[in-house]
Amino acid sequence: MPPLTYLLNWRMSLAARALRQDTASVAALARSVGYTSESAFSNAFKRAVGVAPRRYREAARS
């Protein structure tokens, strides 16, 4: 697995876990996994997981 693919997968798994467990904002979460922009993080998360971070959090909590 290429290093950048591994890094993306690792960041997205950390983000998914945080979205399920934490109450931090998506912007704070984006910064915590290495993104400087909430928009860039949201786009990357949606590409990797298939759903936007806020929708993922809503689905995980219901």
N, C-alpha and C. Protein backbone atom coordinates (compact mmCIF):
# COMPACT_ATOMS: atom_id res chain seq x y z
N MET A 1 0.86 -1.17 0.00
CA MET A 1 0.00 0.00 0.00
C MET A 1 0.91 1.24 0.00
N PRO A 2 0.66 2.16 -0.90
CA PRO A 2 1.46 3.39 -0.95
C PRO A 2 1.32 4.19 0.35
N PRO A 3 2.36 4.90 0.76
CA PRO A 3 2.33 5.65 2.02
C PRO A 3 1.19 6.66 2.11
N LEU A 4 0.90 7.37 1.05
CA LEU A 4 -0.18 8.36 1.12
C LEU A 4 -1.55 7.71 1.25
N THR A 5 -1.73 6.57 0.65
CA THR A 5 -2.98 5.83 0.81
C THR A 5 -3.14 5.36 2.25
N TYR A 6 -2.05 4.85 2.81
CA TYR A 6 -2.07 4.42 4.22
C TYR A 6 -2.43 5.60 5.12
N LEU A 7 -1.79 6.75 4.89
CA LEU A 7 -2.05 7.93 5.71
C LEU A 7 -3.50 8.36 5.60
N LEU A 8 -4.04 8.38 4.40
CA LEU A 8 -5.45 8.75 4.21
C LEU A 8 -6.36 7.78 4.96
N ASN A 9 -6.12 6.49 4.82
CA ASN A 9 -6.95 5.49 5.51
C ASN A 9 -6.86 5.64 7.02
N TRP A 10 -5.67 5.89 7.53
CA TRP A 10 -5.47 6.05 8.96
C TRP A 10 -6.22 7.29 9.47
N ARG A 11 -6.07 8.41 8.73
CA ARG A 11 -6.77 9.64 9.13
C ARG A 11 -8.28 9.45 9.12
N MET A 12 -8.79 8.78 8.10
CA MET A 12 -10.23 8.60 8.00
C MET A 12 -10.76 7.65 9.07
N SER A 13 -9.98 6.64 9.45
CA SER A 13 -10.42 5.75 10.52
C SER A 13 -10.43 6.49 11.86
N LEU A 14 -9.43 7.35 12.10
CA LEU A 14 -9.43 8.17 13.32
C LEU A 14 -10.63 9.12 13.32
N ALA A 15 -10.89 9.72 12.18
CA ALA A 15 -12.00 10.66 12.06
C ALA A 15 -13.34 9.96 12.28
N ALA A 16 -13.50 8.80 11.68
CA ALA A 16 -14.76 8.05 11.84
C ALA A 16 -14.99 7.69 13.30
N ARG A 17 -13.95 7.24 13.97
CA ARG A 17 -14.10 6.89 15.39
C ARG A 17 -14.46 8.13 16.20
N ALA A 18 -13.80 9.24 15.93
CA ALA A 18 -14.10 10.48 16.65
C ALA A 18 -15.52 10.97 16.37
N LEU A 19 -15.97 10.83 15.15
CA LEU A 19 -17.34 11.23 14.83
C LEU A 19 -18.36 10.39 15.57
N ARG A 20 -18.05 9.13 15.79
CA ARG A 20 -18.97 8.25 16.53
C ARG A 20 -18.94 8.54 18.03
N GLN A 21 -17.77 8.89 18.57
CA GLN A 21 -17.60 8.96 20.02
C GLN A 21 -17.55 10.36 20.60
N ASP A 22 -16.99 11.32 19.88
CA ASP A 22 -16.76 12.66 20.42
C ASP A 22 -17.87 13.62 20.03
N THR A 23 -17.86 14.76 20.69
CA THR A 23 -18.82 15.81 20.36
C THR A 23 -18.14 17.03 19.76
N ALA A 24 -16.87 16.93 19.45
CA ALA A 24 -16.12 18.04 18.87
C ALA A 24 -16.71 18.40 17.51
N SER A 25 -16.57 19.66 17.15
CA SER A 25 -17.06 20.11 15.85
C SER A 25 -16.27 19.43 14.73
N VAL A 26 -16.85 19.43 13.55
CA VAL A 26 -16.17 18.85 12.39
C VAL A 26 -14.90 19.63 12.09
N ALA A 27 -14.94 20.94 12.27
CA ALA A 27 -13.74 21.77 12.02
C ALA A 27 -12.62 21.39 12.98
N ALA A 28 -12.94 21.20 14.25
CA ALA A 28 -11.92 20.80 15.24
C ALA A 28 -11.40 19.41 14.92
N LEU A 29 -12.28 18.54 14.53
CA LEU A 29 -11.88 17.19 14.17
C LEU A 29 -10.96 17.20 12.95
N ALA A 30 -11.30 18.02 11.97
CA ALA A 30 -10.46 18.14 10.77
C ALA A 30 -9.04 18.55 11.15
N ARG A 31 -8.92 19.54 12.01
CA ARG A 31 -7.59 19.97 12.46
C ARG A 31 -6.87 18.86 13.22
N SER A 32 -7.60 18.10 14.01
CA SER A 32 -6.96 17.05 14.82
C SER A 32 -6.41 15.90 13.98
N VAL A 33 -6.95 15.70 12.79
CA VAL A 33 -6.42 14.63 11.92
C VAL A 33 -5.53 15.17 10.80
N GLY A 34 -5.17 16.46 10.89
CA GLY A 34 -4.17 16.99 9.99
C GLY A 34 -4.64 17.83 8.83
N TYR A 35 -5.89 18.21 8.81
CA TYR A 35 -6.41 19.07 7.74
C TYR A 35 -6.49 20.50 8.24
N THR A 36 -6.13 21.46 7.40
CA THR A 36 -6.22 22.86 7.78
C THR A 36 -7.57 23.46 7.39
N SER A 37 -8.31 22.75 6.57
CA SER A 37 -9.59 23.25 6.09
C SER A 37 -10.68 22.22 6.36
N GLU A 38 -11.79 22.68 6.93
CA GLU A 38 -12.93 21.79 7.15
C GLU A 38 -13.47 21.28 5.82
N SER A 39 -13.46 22.15 4.81
CA SER A 39 -13.96 21.77 3.50
C SER A 39 -13.12 20.66 2.88
N ALA A 40 -11.80 20.79 2.95
CA ALA A 40 -10.92 19.75 2.40
C ALA A 40 -11.13 18.44 3.13
N PHE A 41 -11.26 18.51 4.46
CA PHE A 41 -11.51 17.29 5.23
C PHE A 41 -12.84 16.66 4.84
N SER A 42 -13.88 17.47 4.75
CA SER A 42 -15.21 16.94 4.41
C SER A 42 -15.20 16.26 3.04
N ASN A 43 -14.53 16.88 2.08
CA ASN A 43 -14.45 16.28 0.75
C ASN A 43 -13.68 14.96 0.79
N ALA A 44 -12.56 14.93 1.49
CA ALA A 44 -11.76 13.70 1.59
C ALA A 44 -12.53 12.61 2.31
N PHE A 45 -13.23 12.97 3.38
CA PHE A 45 -14.01 11.99 4.15
C PHE A 45 -15.12 11.41 3.28
N LYS A 46 -15.80 12.27 2.55
CA LYS A 46 -16.89 11.80 1.70
C LYS A 46 -16.37 10.88 0.59
N ARG A 47 -15.20 11.20 0.02
CA ARG A 47 -14.61 10.33 -1.01
C ARG A 47 -14.23 8.98 -0.41
N ALA A 48 -13.69 8.98 0.79
CA ALA A 48 -13.20 7.74 1.40
C ALA A 48 -14.32 6.88 1.98
N VAL A 49 -15.30 7.52 2.62
CA VAL A 49 -16.33 6.78 3.35
C VAL A 49 -17.64 6.71 2.58
N GLY A 50 -17.89 7.69 1.73
CA GLY A 50 -19.11 7.67 0.94
C GLY A 50 -20.22 8.54 1.46
N VAL A 51 -19.98 9.20 2.59
CA VAL A 51 -20.99 10.08 3.18
C VAL A 51 -20.26 11.23 3.88
N ALA A 52 -20.92 12.38 3.95
CA ALA A 52 -20.33 13.55 4.59
C ALA A 52 -20.16 13.31 6.09
N PRO A 53 -19.19 13.96 6.72
CA PRO A 53 -18.94 13.74 8.15
C PRO A 53 -20.15 13.98 9.04
N ARG A 54 -20.88 15.03 8.80
CA ARG A 54 -22.05 15.31 9.65
C ARG A 54 -23.12 14.22 9.50
N ARG A 55 -23.32 13.77 8.30
CA ARG A 55 -24.30 12.68 8.09
C ARG A 55 -23.82 11.38 8.71
N TYR A 56 -22.52 11.14 8.63
CA TYR A 56 -21.95 9.95 9.25
C TYR A 56 -22.20 10.00 10.76
N ARG A 57 -21.96 11.15 11.36
CA ARG A 57 -22.18 11.30 12.80
C ARG A 57 -23.65 11.08 13.15
N GLU A 58 -24.55 11.68 12.38
CA GLU A 58 -25.98 11.51 12.64
C GLU A 58 -26.40 10.05 12.54
N ALA A 59 -25.91 9.36 11.52
CA ALA A 59 -26.28 7.95 11.32
C ALA A 59 -25.70 7.08 12.43
N ALA A 60 -24.50 7.39 12.87
CA ALA A 60 -23.86 6.59 13.92
C ALA A 60 -24.57 6.77 15.25
N ARG A 61 -25.14 7.91 15.48
CA ARG A 61 -25.79 8.18 16.76
C ARG A 61 -27.25 7.72 16.81
N SER A 62 -27.81 7.42 15.66
CA SER A 62 -29.23 6.99 15.67
C SER A 62 -29.35 5.49 15.65
